[in-house]
Amino acid sequence: MPDDLHRRYQDAHNAHRKHARTCTTCTDTSRCPTGQRLFEAFVRLQDAYLNRQRQ
């Protein structure tokens, strides 16, 4: 059975990458409000997944 947390983490990563490819405002060091929200969701889910893997 697929890991739901892993799937959500990967979905967040894909959403962030898709936005970054099309947004003319976002850069590697600065993000528009939508880009920032997507990046923060990705980071939060990635941290949760990796912390659970370490346990």
PDB file of N, CA and C in Angstrom:
ATOM      1  N   MET A   1       0.840  -1.185   0.000  1.00  0.00           N
ATOM      2  CA  MET A   1       0.000   0.000   0.000  1.00  0.00           C
ATOM      3  C   MET A   1       0.885   1.249   0.000  1.00  0.00           C
ATOM      4  N   PRO A   2       0.638   2.176  -0.902  1.00  0.00           N
ATOM      5  CA  PRO A   2       1.449   3.391  -0.960  1.00  0.00           C
ATOM      6  C   PRO A   2       1.327   4.211   0.323  1.00  0.00           C
ATOM      7  N   ASP A   3       2.402   4.851   0.671  1.00  0.00           N
ATOM      8  CA  ASP A   3       2.468   5.694   1.852  1.00  0.00           C
ATOM      9  C   ASP A   3       1.804   7.036   1.528  1.00  0.00           C
ATOM     10  N   ASP A   4       0.735   7.368   2.264  1.00  0.00           N
ATOM     11  CA  ASP A   4      -0.004   8.597   2.004  1.00  0.00           C
ATOM     12  C   ASP A   4       0.866   9.839   2.210  1.00  0.00           C
ATOM     13  N   LEU A   5       1.683   9.855   3.244  1.00  0.00           N
ATOM     14  CA  LEU A   5       2.546  11.004   3.502  1.00  0.00           C
ATOM     15  C   LEU A   5       3.545  11.192   2.361  1.00  0.00           C
ATOM     16  N   HIS A   6       4.112  10.095   1.883  1.00  0.00           N
ATOM     17  CA  HIS A   6       5.049  10.180   0.762  1.00  0.00           C
ATOM     18  C   HIS A   6       4.348  10.706  -0.484  1.00  0.00           C
ATOM     19  N   ARG A   7       3.155  10.225  -0.751  1.00  0.00           N
ATOM     20  CA  ARG A   7       2.399  10.682  -1.918  1.00  0.00           C
ATOM     21  C   ARG A   7       2.101  12.174  -1.813  1.00  0.00           C
ATOM     22  N   ARG A   8       1.678  12.636  -0.643  1.00  0.00           N
ATOM     23  CA  ARG A   8       1.377  14.061  -0.464  1.00  0.00           C
ATOM     24  C   ARG A   8       2.640  14.911  -0.608  1.00  0.00           C
ATOM     25  N   TYR A   9       3.746  14.412  -0.089  1.00  0.00           N
ATOM     26  CA  TYR A   9       5.030  15.114  -0.204  1.00  0.00           C
ATOM     27  C   TYR A   9       5.432  15.228  -1.672  1.00  0.00           C
ATOM     28  N   GLN A  10       5.305  14.157  -2.423  1.00  0.00           N
ATOM     29  CA  GLN A  10       5.646  14.176  -3.846  1.00  0.00           C
ATOM     30  C   GLN A  10       4.683  15.067  -4.634  1.00  0.00           C
ATOM     31  N   ASP A  11       3.396  15.024  -4.299  1.00  0.00           N
ATOM     32  CA  ASP A  11       2.424  15.892  -4.967  1.00  0.00           C
ATOM     33  C   ASP A  11       2.747  17.363  -4.713  1.00  0.00           C
ATOM     34  N   ALA A  12       3.143  17.690  -3.487  1.00  0.00           N
ATOM     35  CA  ALA A  12       3.506  19.070  -3.160  1.00  0.00           C
ATOM     36  C   ALA A  12       4.753  19.491  -3.936  1.00  0.00           C
ATOM     37  N   HIS A  13       5.706  18.579  -4.054  1.00  0.00           N
ATOM     38  CA  HIS A  13       6.917  18.874  -4.824  1.00  0.00           C
ATOM     39  C   HIS A  13       6.572  19.135  -6.287  1.00  0.00           C
ATOM     40  N   ASN A  14       5.736  18.300  -6.847  1.00  0.00           N
ATOM     41  CA  ASN A  14       5.337  18.472  -8.243  1.00  0.00           C
ATOM     42  C   ASN A  14       4.572  19.769  -8.455  1.00  0.00           C
ATOM     43  N   ALA A  15       3.694  20.127  -7.520  1.00  0.00           N
ATOM     44  CA  ALA A  15       2.938  21.378  -7.630  1.00  0.00           C
ATOM     45  C   ALA A  15       3.876  22.576  -7.577  1.00  0.00           C
ATOM     46  N   HIS A  16       4.846  22.522  -6.685  1.00  0.00           N
ATOM     47  CA  HIS A  16       5.806  23.619  -6.580  1.00  0.00           C
ATOM     48  C   HIS A  16       6.636  23.731  -7.859  1.00  0.00           C
ATOM     49  N   ARG A  17       7.130  22.619  -8.369  1.00  0.00           N
ATOM     50  CA  ARG A  17       7.935  22.639  -9.601  1.00  0.00           C
ATOM     51  C   ARG A  17       7.129  23.157 -10.793  1.00  0.00           C
ATOM     52  N   LYS A  18       5.882  22.708 -10.897  1.00  0.00           N
ATOM     53  CA  LYS A  18       5.025  23.151 -12.000  1.00  0.00           C
ATOM     54  C   LYS A  18       4.817  24.663 -11.927  1.00  0.00           C
ATOM     55  N   HIS A  19       4.541  25.160 -10.744  1.00  0.00           N
ATOM     56  CA  HIS A  19       4.351  26.604 -10.578  1.00  0.00           C
ATOM     57  C   HIS A  19       5.637  27.351 -10.932  1.00  0.00           C
ATOM     58  N   ALA A  20       6.764  26.881 -10.433  1.00  0.00           N
ATOM     59  CA  ALA A  20       8.048  27.562 -10.660  1.00  0.00           C
ATOM     60  C   ALA A  20       8.395  27.626 -12.150  1.00  0.00           C
ATOM     61  N   ARG A  21       8.002  26.621 -12.907  1.00  0.00           N
ATOM     62  CA  ARG A  21       8.290  26.611 -14.353  1.00  0.00           C
ATOM     63  C   ARG A  21       7.483  27.664 -15.107  1.00  0.00           C
ATOM     64  N   THR A  22       6.301  28.000 -14.599  1.00  0.00           N
ATOM     65  CA  THR A  22       5.420  28.903 -15.347  1.00  0.00           C
ATOM     66  C   THR A  22       5.334  30.306 -14.761  1.00  0.00           C
ATOM     67  N   CYS A  23       5.758  30.494 -13.529  1.00  0.00           N
ATOM     68  CA  CYS A  23       5.646  31.799 -12.873  1.00  0.00           C
ATOM     69  C   CYS A  23       6.803  32.699 -13.300  1.00  0.00           C
ATOM     70  N   THR A  24       6.475  33.888 -13.734  1.00  0.00           N
ATOM     71  CA  THR A  24       7.507  34.830 -14.157  1.00  0.00           C
ATOM     72  C   THR A  24       8.066  35.630 -12.985  1.00  0.00           C
ATOM     73  N   THR A  25       7.465  35.512 -11.816  1.00  0.00           N
ATOM     74  CA  THR A  25       7.907  36.251 -10.635  1.00  0.00           C
ATOM     75  C   THR A  25       8.866  35.443  -9.776  1.00  0.00           C
ATOM     76  N   CYS A  26       8.655  34.150  -9.683  1.00  0.00           N
ATOM     77  CA  CYS A  26       9.445  33.294  -8.799  1.00  0.00           C
ATOM     78  C   CYS A  26      10.866  33.095  -9.321  1.00  0.00           C
ATOM     79  N   THR A  27      11.811  33.102  -8.378  1.00  0.00           N
ATOM     80  CA  THR A  27      13.206  32.770  -8.658  1.00  0.00           C
ATOM     81  C   THR A  27      13.643  31.762  -7.600  1.00  0.00           C
ATOM     82  N   ASP A  28      14.905  31.371  -7.635  1.00  0.00           N
ATOM     83  CA  ASP A  28      15.416  30.437  -6.625  1.00  0.00           C
ATOM     84  C   ASP A  28      15.443  31.050  -5.224  1.00  0.00           C
ATOM     85  N   THR A  29      15.516  32.362  -5.148  1.00  0.00           N
ATOM     86  CA  THR A  29      15.645  33.021  -3.849  1.00  0.00           C
ATOM     87  C   THR A  29      14.442  33.879  -3.474  1.00  0.00           C
ATOM     88  N   SER A  30      13.508  34.079  -4.386  1.00  0.00           N
ATOM     89  CA  SER A  30      12.339  34.911  -4.125  1.00  0.00           C
ATOM     90  C   SER A  30      11.121  34.264  -4.775  1.00  0.00           C
ATOM     91  N   ARG A  31      10.007  34.283  -4.064  1.00  0.00           N
ATOM     92  CA  ARG A  31       8.803  33.638  -4.580  1.00  0.00           C
ATOM     93  C   ARG A  31       7.600  34.556  -4.451  1.00  0.00           C
ATOM     94  N   CYS A  32       6.677  34.420  -5.380  1.00  0.00           N
ATOM     95  CA  CYS A  32       5.402  35.120  -5.283  1.00  0.00           C
ATOM     96  C   CYS A  32       4.602  34.475  -4.148  1.00  0.00           C
ATOM     97  N   PRO A  33       3.504  35.077  -3.700  1.00  0.00           N
ATOM     98  CA  PRO A  33       2.736  34.477  -2.595  1.00  0.00           C
ATOM     99  C   PRO A  33       2.289  33.032  -2.854  1.00  0.00           C
ATOM    100  N   THR A  34       1.860  32.743  -4.057  1.00  0.00           N
ATOM    101  CA  THR A  34       1.451  31.372  -4.373  1.00  0.00           C
ATOM    102  C   THR A  34       2.654  30.437  -4.361  1.00  0.00           C
ATOM    103  N   GLY A  35       3.741  30.872  -4.952  1.00  0.00           N
ATOM    104  CA  GLY A  35       4.957  30.067  -4.964  1.00  0.00           C
ATOM    105  C   GLY A  35       5.474  29.816  -3.563  1.00  0.00           C
ATOM    106  N   GLN A  36       5.402  30.823  -2.699  1.00  0.00           N
ATOM    107  CA  GLN A  36       5.846  30.672  -1.316  1.00  0.00           C
ATOM    108  C   GLN A  36       4.978  29.664  -0.578  1.00  0.00           C
ATOM    109  N   ARG A  37       3.663  29.741  -0.780  1.00  0.00           N
ATOM    110  CA  ARG A  37       2.745  28.796  -0.137  1.00  0.00           C
ATOM    111  C   ARG A  37       3.039  27.364  -0.591  1.00  0.00           C
ATOM    112  N   LEU A  38       3.234  27.177  -1.888  1.00  0.00           N
ATOM    113  CA  LEU A  38       3.527  25.841  -2.416  1.00  0.00           C
ATOM    114  C   LEU A  38       4.868  25.323  -1.904  1.00  0.00           C
ATOM    115  N   PHE A  39       5.871  26.189  -1.852  1.00  0.00           N
ATOM    116  CA  PHE A  39       7.189  25.795  -1.358  1.00  0.00           C
ATOM    117  C   PHE A  39       7.122  25.407   0.118  1.00  0.00           C
ATOM    118  N   GLU A  40       6.424  26.191   0.925  1.00  0.00           N
ATOM    119  CA  GLU A  40       6.302  25.887   2.349  1.00  0.00           C
ATOM    120  C   GLU A  40       5.565  24.574   2.589  1.00  0.00           C
ATOM    121  N   ALA A  41       4.530  24.306   1.788  1.00  0.00           N
ATOM    122  CA  ALA A  41       3.816  23.033   1.918  1.00  0.00           C
ATOM    123  C   ALA A  41       4.741  21.871   1.580  1.00  0.00           C
ATOM    124  N   PHE A  42       5.523  22.017   0.526  1.00  0.00           N
ATOM    125  CA  PHE A  42       6.475  20.982   0.143  1.00  0.00           C
ATOM    126  C   PHE A  42       7.499  20.742   1.251  1.00  0.00           C
ATOM    127  N   VAL A  43       8.089  21.810   1.767  1.00  0.00           N
ATOM    128  CA  VAL A  43       9.115  21.680   2.808  1.00  0.00           C
ATOM    129  C   VAL A  43       8.530  21.031   4.063  1.00  0.00           C
ATOM    130  N   ARG A  44       7.345  21.459   4.469  1.00  0.00           N
ATOM    131  CA  ARG A  44       6.708  20.902   5.669  1.00  0.00           C
ATOM    132  C   ARG A  44       6.450  19.398   5.508  1.00  0.00           C
ATOM    133  N   LEU A  45       5.920  18.997   4.364  1.00  0.00           N
ATOM    134  CA  LEU A  45       5.637  17.584   4.136  1.00  0.00           C
ATOM    135  C   LEU A  45       6.917  16.771   3.978  1.00  0.00           C
ATOM    136  N   GLN A  46       7.919  17.345   3.323  1.00  0.00           N
ATOM    137  CA  GLN A  46       9.190  16.650   3.177  1.00  0.00           C
ATOM    138  C   GLN A  46       9.831  16.424   4.548  1.00  0.00           C
ATOM    139  N   ASP A  47       9.830  17.446   5.380  1.00  0.00           N
ATOM    140  CA  ASP A  47      10.396  17.304   6.726  1.00  0.00           C
ATOM    141  C   ASP A  47       9.663  16.231   7.525  1.00  0.00           C
ATOM    142  N   ALA A  48       8.333  16.230   7.437  1.00  0.00           N
ATOM    143  CA  ALA A  48       7.553  15.233   8.170  1.00  0.00           C
ATOM    144  C   ALA A  48       7.892  13.825   7.683  1.00  0.00           C
ATOM    145  N   TYR A  49       7.980  13.665   6.373  1.00  0.00           N
ATOM    146  CA  TYR A  49       8.290  12.352   5.818  1.00  0.00           C
ATOM    147  C   TYR A  49       9.697  11.891   6.220  1.00  0.00           C
ATOM    148  N   LEU A  50      10.671  12.758   6.068  1.00  0.00           N
ATOM    149  CA  LEU A  50      12.045  12.379   6.402  1.00  0.00           C
ATOM    150  C   LEU A  50      12.218  12.123   7.896  1.00  0.00           C
ATOM    151  N   ASN A  51      11.563  12.907   8.730  1.00  0.00           N
ATOM    152  CA  ASN A  51      11.640  12.659  10.177  1.00  0.00           C
ATOM    153  C   ASN A  51      11.022  11.313  10.533  1.00  0.00           C
ATOM    154  N   ARG A  52       9.930  10.964   9.871  1.00  0.00           N
ATOM    155  CA  ARG A  52       9.337   9.657  10.145  1.00  0.00           C
ATOM    156  C   ARG A  52      10.231   8.519   9.662  1.00  0.00           C
ATOM    157  N   GLN A  53      10.928   8.734   8.540  1.00  0.00           N
ATOM    158  CA  GLN A  53      11.845   7.707   8.039  1.00  0.00           C
ATOM    159  C   GLN A  53      13.007   7.473   8.996  1.00  0.00           C
ATOM    160  N   ARG A  54      13.436   8.496   9.671  1.00  0.00           N
ATOM    161  CA  ARG A  54      14.580   8.381  10.600  1.00  0.00           C
ATOM    162  C   ARG A  54      14.223   7.616  11.874  1.00  0.00           C
ATOM    163  N   GLN A  55      12.957   7.583  12.211  1.00  0.00           N
ATOM    164  CA  GLN A  55      12.539   6.917  13.458  1.00  0.00           C
ATOM    165  C   GLN A  55      12.528   5.413  13.340  1.00  0.00           C
TER     166      GLN A  55
END
